[in-house]
Structures are given as C-alpha cells and as structure tokens.
C-alpha cells in the first residue's frame, strides 16, 4: 500500500522544498487539462491529497508518527462500507486538516460516553474505520469508487412530500392559467348596455380607520348595481358599459349623452391592478407547469400563483 511519500516519489526524510518541487512536477504531468487518462486523474487526486498533508508540519508529524507505528491504530485493508464522510460529518471535498479536526472532535465526544455501551463501542469502531479510510490514499480512492457504485438514495422526507404533491400543483397551475385568461378577457372585453333603467338610488357612507367619511350613490337597475358619483331619478335611462364576463360596470352616462360625458372606472387603479395580477399569476402558473421543473419549484410557484390569484379575485369583487 503506497504512502504519501511514495505517491510523491520521495523518501520520508524529504525537506519541505523537495516536497513542493515534487508536487509541482507531478501535478503538471497528471493535470486533467494535460491528459484525459482516468488513471492519471486518480493519481492527480492522490498527489494533491498527499501534498495537502505533507506540506503542513503538524499534519506531517502526525502522519509520520502513524507510519512509524507510534500511534497504534487498527490495520484496515478495505475501505469503510458505509459513507465515511457522513460518519465524520465532513464534505466530500474536505482537506486532510478538516478531516483530522472532525475526527478529533467526534473521538473526544465518544470517549466521554460510557465505554460499556455496545452502541458507543460500535460508533468508535466506525469512526476509526472511516478516519483510516479517508486518511489512507488507496483506501480513500477505493471508497470513492465504492460510493459511485452505490444505488442513488431515495428522496429525503421533504423532497418526497414535494414529489407527492407536484402532480396536484400542476393541475392547480392549469386551473390558474385558465382563470388568468378569463380575468384578462374580462378586462379587455366590454359590452354595451345602451338603455338601463334606474330602479333606485341610495346614498351610502363609509368611514375608514382614520375617521375620514366618504359617501357615494348606489345605483340599481333591473340587471345590475354600481357605485356612482351622481344621483339619477328612478326611471332614468343610462348607457352602461360592463365587463364581458363578470358584468362589472366600467362606465356610465345618461342614454343619448356623448361618450365624452361618461364616468369611467376603466382608468382607475382597481381594474388595472386586477389585470396586472392576473397576468402575473398566469405567467407564474405557466412557468411552474413545465414538467422540466423540479417538484419543489413547481409546488412553491403554484402556491405563490394561487395567493396572487386570490388577491386578484378580491380586488375584482371589491370594485
């Protein structure tokens, strides 16, 4: 089994400068940009791993001690069967210093626990095996190959929930896209009612939270009712323009009066806000509906679109 000195083609008494020179020479020969050979790439990784350890005096001293056998450890000829990175709780790109730090940390914690507990002894054994795997060049390389051969893990609990509800979210997106199209059609489609007879008018007042009182006339006809700034006697004929689907009054004027005298709601911010929100949640739903989206993005975007849709409907019926 090769040690880090052999990987760098050096003796154990090599100086720091010799280690650096050997690293620079070997890394040029095995760099992935220089050769696509997989064996050269594996050697390139081992060279970097060896250099990361031997260039740091503290890590090199510990490594030398382990080579001399002054730090007794179980001899392992095969890599850890599980995931050594998960045992030590380090990322896959962890350098030797990070692995050493994690090993010392978890070892101290486990050694404080009751040693008569079989579970603690098992955890200590796993920790030693995982540490040996990640600090031995060949075992670590074998471990990487072993991890690549393992079947992919199933989704986590949260991911499983998203995957479960993604089809429902896509159905919701379809509904929201249709709703957005209908609201936009309602905004642009205006129908004329040239002769709507007023059946009643009442004066209503409202007071906001600041105590400001506002008043308006509530006009009723045979087919609809709406807020108005002017009062009309019962029997007055009005020319109304109403949205094509919801029937909301968009403008009103006395029948026969020129269109310039019409009182229009279309220029107010409520109808425009409804149209803008409709376009927003429709586009969001269309984006989320694409099957190439991950389940989490689909569910989150569908929920966002639904909230915006509720706001649009609220504004529609508030006008």
Protein backbone atom coordinates (compact mmCIF):
# COMPACT_ATOMS: atom_id res chain seq x y z
CA UNK A 1 0.00 0.00 0.00
CA UNK A 2 1.53 3.31 -1.07
CA UNK A 3 2.01 6.05 1.47
CA UNK A 4 2.03 9.77 0.76
CA UNK A 5 5.81 9.86 0.32
CA UNK A 6 5.66 7.12 -2.29
CA UNK A 7 2.84 8.95 -4.07
CA UNK A 8 5.15 11.97 -4.39
CA UNK A 9 8.11 9.71 -5.28
CA UNK A 10 10.09 10.91 -2.24
CA UNK A 11 11.78 9.47 0.79
CA UNK A 12 10.44 10.05 4.28
CA UNK A 13 13.28 12.47 5.05
CA UNK A 14 12.38 14.83 2.21
CA UNK A 15 12.51 18.53 3.01
CA UNK A 16 9.57 20.88 2.62
CA UNK A 17 11.15 22.34 -0.54
CA UNK A 18 11.65 18.87 -2.02
CA UNK A 19 8.02 18.06 -1.29
CA UNK A 20 6.91 21.25 -3.02
CA UNK A 21 9.10 20.63 -6.06
CA UNK A 22 7.91 17.03 -6.37
CA UNK A 23 4.30 18.16 -6.14
CA UNK A 24 4.75 20.81 -8.85
CA UNK A 25 6.47 18.32 -11.14
CA UNK A 26 3.92 15.54 -10.72
CA UNK A 27 0.86 17.73 -10.81
CA UNK A 28 1.92 19.10 -14.20
CA UNK A 29 2.23 15.58 -15.58
CA UNK A 30 -1.13 14.36 -14.30
CA UNK A 31 -3.27 17.50 -14.56
CA UNK A 32 -6.66 16.78 -16.27
CA UNK A 33 -6.00 19.59 -18.75
CA UNK A 34 -2.87 17.78 -19.89
CA UNK A 35 -4.16 14.22 -20.19
CA UNK A 36 -7.68 12.72 -20.23
CA UNK A 37 -6.43 9.37 -18.88
CA UNK A 38 -8.66 8.32 -15.91
CA UNK A 39 -5.70 6.65 -14.20
CA UNK A 40 -3.74 9.89 -14.44
CA UNK A 41 -6.69 11.76 -12.94
CA UNK A 42 -6.85 9.36 -9.99
CA UNK A 43 -3.13 9.82 -9.47
CA UNK A 44 -3.60 13.59 -9.70
CA UNK A 45 -6.11 13.45 -6.83
CA UNK A 46 -3.75 11.33 -4.72
CA UNK A 47 -0.87 13.73 -5.38
CA UNK A 48 -2.95 16.68 -4.17
CA UNK A 49 -4.11 14.72 -1.14
CA UNK A 50 -0.55 13.74 -0.24
CA UNK A 51 0.74 17.27 -0.69
CA UNK A 52 -2.07 18.75 1.45
CA UNK A 53 -0.90 16.55 4.32
CA UNK A 54 2.88 16.71 3.94
CA UNK A 55 3.12 20.45 3.38
CA UNK A 56 1.66 21.18 6.84
CA UNK A 57 4.15 20.46 9.64
CA UNK A 58 1.56 19.40 12.22
CA UNK A 59 -0.24 17.04 9.86
CA UNK A 60 3.06 15.68 8.55
CA UNK A 61 4.29 14.96 12.07
CA UNK A 62 1.15 13.04 12.87
CA UNK A 63 1.31 11.19 9.58
CA UNK A 64 4.96 10.27 10.16
CA UNK A 65 4.07 9.02 13.62
CA UNK A 66 1.35 6.82 12.16
CA UNK A 67 3.85 5.41 9.64
CA UNK A 68 6.30 4.57 12.44
CA UNK A 69 3.58 2.87 14.40
CA UNK A 70 3.89 5.15 17.42
CA UNK A 71 0.17 5.86 17.14
CA UNK A 72 -1.36 2.41 17.26
CA UNK A 73 -4.40 2.05 15.08
CA UNK A 74 -6.28 -0.94 13.72
CA UNK A 75 -4.98 -2.01 10.32
CA UNK A 76 -7.64 -1.75 7.65
CA UNK A 77 -7.23 -3.36 4.26
CA UNK A 78 -10.67 -2.47 2.90
CA UNK A 79 -12.46 0.88 2.93
CA UNK A 80 -15.36 1.69 5.22
CA UNK A 81 -18.53 0.04 3.89
CA UNK A 82 -20.82 2.95 4.65
CA UNK A 83 -20.17 6.60 3.91
CA UNK A 84 -17.03 7.72 5.72
CA UNK A 85 -17.78 11.38 5.02
CA UNK A 86 -21.13 11.10 6.78
CA UNK A 87 -19.55 9.38 9.78
CA UNK A 88 -17.08 12.25 10.19
CA UNK A 89 -19.66 14.83 9.05
CA UNK A 90 -17.34 16.47 6.55
CA UNK A 91 -17.96 17.43 2.90
CA UNK A 92 -16.63 15.31 0.07
CA UNK A 93 -14.07 18.00 -0.74
CA UNK A 94 -12.76 18.20 2.84
CA UNK A 95 -8.96 18.64 3.03
CA UNK A 96 -6.89 16.48 5.41
CA UNK A 97 -6.86 19.21 8.07
CA UNK A 98 -10.65 19.30 8.14
CA UNK A 99 -10.84 15.51 8.36
CA UNK A 100 -8.32 15.46 11.22
CA UNK A 101 -10.23 18.15 13.09
CA UNK A 102 -13.53 16.33 12.71
CA UNK A 103 -12.00 13.03 13.80
CA UNK A 104 -10.52 14.51 16.98
CA UNK A 105 -13.80 16.26 17.79
CA UNK A 106 -16.03 13.19 17.50
CA UNK A 107 -13.48 10.95 19.17
CA UNK A 108 -13.38 13.21 22.23
CA UNK A 109 -17.17 13.18 22.46
CA UNK A 110 -17.43 9.41 22.14
CA UNK A 111 -14.64 8.76 24.65
CA UNK A 112 -16.57 10.75 27.26
CA UNK A 113 -19.56 8.42 26.86
CA UNK A 114 -19.88 5.17 28.87
CA UNK A 115 -17.49 2.74 27.21
CA UNK A 116 -19.52 -0.26 28.35
CA UNK A 117 -22.31 0.69 25.96
CA UNK A 118 -22.11 -1.54 22.84
CA UNK A 119 -23.54 1.27 20.69
CA UNK A 120 -20.72 3.62 21.76
CA UNK A 121 -18.11 0.98 21.01
CA UNK A 122 -19.65 0.45 17.59
CA UNK A 123 -19.61 4.18 16.87
CA UNK A 124 -15.97 4.40 17.92
CA UNK A 125 -15.08 1.48 15.64
CA UNK A 126 -16.93 3.12 12.74
CA UNK A 127 -15.18 6.41 13.45
CA UNK A 128 -11.74 4.77 13.39
CA UNK A 129 -12.52 2.87 10.19
CA UNK A 130 -13.95 5.95 8.47
CA UNK A 131 -10.95 8.04 9.53
CA UNK A 132 -8.50 5.42 8.31
CA UNK A 133 -10.36 5.25 5.01
CA UNK A 134 -10.15 8.99 4.40
CA UNK A 135 -6.53 9.35 5.52
CA UNK A 136 -5.13 6.42 3.54
CA UNK A 137 -4.64 7.28 -0.11
CA UNK A 138 -5.60 3.92 -1.61
CA UNK A 139 -8.49 3.28 0.76
CA UNK A 140 -9.91 6.72 0.07
CA UNK A 141 -9.72 6.15 -3.68
CA UNK A 142 -11.41 2.75 -3.29
CA UNK A 143 -14.03 4.39 -1.10
CA UNK A 144 -14.81 6.97 -3.80
CA UNK A 145 -15.29 4.19 -6.34
CA UNK A 146 -17.45 2.30 -3.86
CA UNK A 147 -19.67 5.36 -3.32
CA UNK A 148 -20.06 5.85 -7.08
CA UNK A 149 -21.28 2.26 -7.45
CA UNK A 150 -23.90 2.62 -4.74
CA UNK A 151 -27.50 2.99 -5.97
CA UNK A 152 -28.88 6.54 -5.69
CA UNK A 153 -30.65 7.29 -2.46
CA UNK A 154 -34.34 7.96 -2.43
CA UNK A 155 -35.59 11.49 -1.88
CA UNK A 156 -35.49 12.95 1.60
CA UNK A 157 -38.68 13.38 3.59
CA UNK A 158 -39.18 16.94 2.41
CA UNK A 159 -38.33 16.07 -1.19
CA UNK A 160 -40.75 13.14 -1.06
CA UNK A 161 -43.56 15.46 0.03
CA UNK A 162 -42.83 17.84 -2.86
CA UNK A 163 -42.69 14.91 -5.30
CA UNK A 164 -46.02 13.65 -4.00
CA UNK A 165 -47.83 16.95 -4.42
CA UNK A 166 -46.18 18.10 -7.65
CA UNK A 167 -48.91 16.48 -9.84
CA UNK A 168 -51.58 18.26 -7.79
CA UNK A 169 -49.66 21.52 -8.16
CA UNK A 170 -49.59 21.07 -11.95
CA UNK A 171 -53.37 20.60 -12.01
CA UNK A 172 -53.70 23.76 -9.92
CA UNK A 173 -51.46 25.55 -12.42
CA UNK A 174 -53.80 24.53 -15.24
CA UNK A 175 -56.76 25.94 -13.33
CA UNK A 176 -54.88 29.15 -12.59
CA UNK A 177 -53.85 29.60 -16.23
CA UNK A 178 -57.49 29.30 -17.30
CA UNK A 179 -58.56 31.71 -14.54
CA UNK A 180 -55.91 34.23 -15.59
CA UNK A 181 -57.05 34.02 -19.21
CA UNK A 182 -60.67 34.60 -18.16
CA UNK A 183 -59.79 37.59 -15.97
CA UNK A 184 -57.73 39.17 -18.75
CA UNK A 185 -60.58 38.54 -21.20
CA UNK A 186 -62.95 40.16 -18.73
CA UNK A 187 -60.64 43.19 -18.60
CA UNK A 188 -60.47 43.76 -22.37
CA UNK A 189 -63.99 42.63 -23.35
CA UNK A 190 -66.55 45.38 -22.78
CA UNK A 191 -70.25 45.05 -23.62
CA UNK A 192 -72.65 47.94 -24.23
CA UNK A 193 -76.00 48.33 -22.49
CA UNK A 194 -77.43 51.47 -24.14
CA UNK A 195 -80.63 51.63 -22.10
CA UNK A 196 -80.56 50.50 -18.48
CA UNK A 197 -83.42 51.90 -16.43
CA UNK A 198 -82.65 53.16 -12.93
CA UNK A 199 -84.90 51.46 -10.37
CA UNK A 200 -83.46 53.03 -7.23
CA UNK A 201 -80.68 55.17 -5.80
CA UNK A 202 -79.43 55.27 -2.21
CA UNK A 203 -76.77 57.37 -0.52
CA UNK A 204 -74.20 55.36 1.38
CA UNK A 205 -71.39 56.47 3.65
CA UNK A 206 -68.25 54.68 4.77
CA UNK A 207 -65.69 55.60 7.41
CA UNK A 208 -62.10 54.41 7.20
CA UNK A 209 -59.75 53.70 10.10
CA UNK A 210 -58.57 57.30 10.17
CA UNK A 211 -62.11 58.51 10.73
CA UNK A 212 -62.50 60.01 7.25
CA UNK A 213 -66.06 59.70 5.99
CA UNK A 214 -66.74 59.14 2.31
CA UNK A 215 -70.10 58.95 0.60
CA UNK A 216 -71.33 57.66 -2.73
CA UNK A 217 -74.54 56.84 -4.54
CA UNK A 218 -75.53 53.23 -5.01
CA UNK A 219 -77.46 52.98 -8.27
CA UNK A 220 -79.67 49.99 -9.03
CA UNK A 221 -81.06 48.90 -12.40
CA UNK A 222 -83.00 45.83 -13.48
CA UNK A 223 -79.81 43.88 -14.22
CA UNK A 224 -77.03 45.32 -12.06
CA UNK A 225 -75.97 47.85 -9.43
CA UNK A 226 -72.92 50.04 -9.09
CA UNK A 227 -71.34 52.94 -7.25
CA UNK A 228 -71.77 56.39 -8.79
CA UNK A 229 -70.74 59.94 -8.07
CA UNK A 230 -74.08 61.33 -9.24
CA UNK A 231 -77.70 60.56 -8.40
CA UNK A 232 -80.31 59.78 -11.00
CA UNK A 233 -84.09 59.79 -10.54
CA UNK A 234 -85.86 56.46 -10.81
CA UNK A 235 -86.76 55.76 -14.42
CA UNK A 236 -83.68 57.46 -15.85
CA UNK A 237 -82.18 55.57 -18.79
CA UNK A 238 -78.43 55.04 -18.54
CA UNK A 239 -75.91 53.87 -21.10
CA UNK A 240 -73.67 51.36 -19.33
CA UNK A 241 -70.50 49.62 -20.40
CA UNK A 242 -69.88 46.41 -18.49
CA UNK A 243 -67.07 43.87 -18.48
CA UNK A 244 -67.85 40.92 -20.67
CA UNK A 245 -67.73 38.11 -18.10
CA UNK A 246 -68.13 39.46 -14.57
CA UNK A 247 -70.59 42.18 -15.59
CA UNK A 248 -68.88 44.91 -13.57
CA UNK A 249 -69.86 48.40 -14.66
CA UNK A 250 -66.90 50.01 -16.42
CA UNK A 251 -68.54 53.34 -17.33
CA UNK A 252 -71.94 55.02 -17.19
CA UNK A 253 -73.68 58.06 -18.69
CA UNK A 254 -77.24 59.11 -19.45
CA UNK A 255 -78.58 57.42 -22.56
CA UNK A 256 -78.05 59.63 -25.58
CA UNK A 257 -75.27 61.64 -23.93
CA UNK A 258 -71.93 61.80 -25.78
CA UNK A 259 -69.25 59.35 -24.71
CA UNK A 260 -67.09 62.24 -23.51
CA UNK A 261 -69.54 62.72 -20.62
CA UNK A 262 -69.22 59.13 -19.45
CA UNK A 263 -67.93 58.44 -15.96
CA UNK A 264 -65.37 55.66 -16.40
CA UNK A 265 -63.94 53.19 -13.90
CA UNK A 266 -61.62 51.67 -16.51
CA UNK A 267 -58.97 54.29 -15.84
CA UNK A 268 -58.93 53.58 -12.12
CA UNK A 269 -56.23 51.52 -10.49
CA UNK A 270 -58.51 48.65 -9.40
CA UNK A 271 -59.20 47.22 -12.89
CA UNK A 272 -55.59 47.70 -13.93
CA UNK A 273 -54.36 46.05 -10.74
CA UNK A 274 -56.64 43.06 -11.39
CA UNK A 275 -55.30 42.76 -14.94
CA UNK A 276 -51.68 43.06 -13.79
CA UNK A 277 -52.14 40.47 -11.04
CA UNK A 278 -53.92 38.15 -13.48
CA UNK A 279 -51.01 38.33 -15.89
CA UNK A 280 -48.58 37.75 -13.01
CA UNK A 281 -50.20 34.63 -11.59
CA UNK A 282 -50.95 33.29 -15.07
CA UNK A 283 -47.31 33.54 -16.13
CA UNK A 284 -46.16 32.08 -12.80
CA UNK A 285 -48.52 29.14 -13.22
CA UNK A 286 -47.34 28.59 -16.80
CA UNK A 287 -43.73 28.61 -15.63
CA UNK A 288 -44.46 26.12 -12.85
CA UNK A 289 -46.49 23.85 -15.14
CA UNK A 290 -43.45 22.88 -17.21
CA UNK A 291 -42.54 19.27 -16.46
CA UNK A 292 -38.85 20.08 -16.54
CA UNK A 293 -39.24 21.97 -13.27
CA UNK A 294 -38.18 20.21 -10.05
CA UNK A 295 -41.12 19.26 -7.81
CA UNK A 296 -40.17 21.84 -5.19
CA UNK A 297 -40.15 24.70 -7.70
CA UNK A 298 -43.47 23.51 -9.13
CA UNK A 299 -45.17 23.40 -5.73
CA UNK A 300 -43.73 26.70 -4.48
CA UNK A 301 -44.57 28.57 -7.69
CA UNK A 302 -48.09 27.10 -7.78
CA UNK A 303 -48.69 28.22 -4.18
CA UNK A 304 -47.40 31.72 -4.99
CA UNK A 305 -49.62 31.94 -8.07
CA UNK A 306 -52.65 30.82 -6.04
CA UNK A 307 -52.06 33.56 -3.44
CA UNK A 308 -51.77 36.22 -6.15
CA UNK A 309 -54.93 34.84 -7.78
CA UNK A 310 -56.86 35.21 -4.53
CA UNK A 311 -55.71 38.83 -4.29
CA UNK A 312 -56.84 39.48 -7.86
CA UNK A 313 -60.27 37.99 -7.18
CA UNK A 314 -60.58 40.07 -4.00
CA UNK A 315 -59.84 43.28 -5.92
CA UNK A 316 -62.23 42.25 -8.70
CA UNK A 317 -65.19 41.94 -6.36
CA UNK A 318 -64.20 44.98 -4.34
CA UNK A 319 -64.57 47.27 -7.33
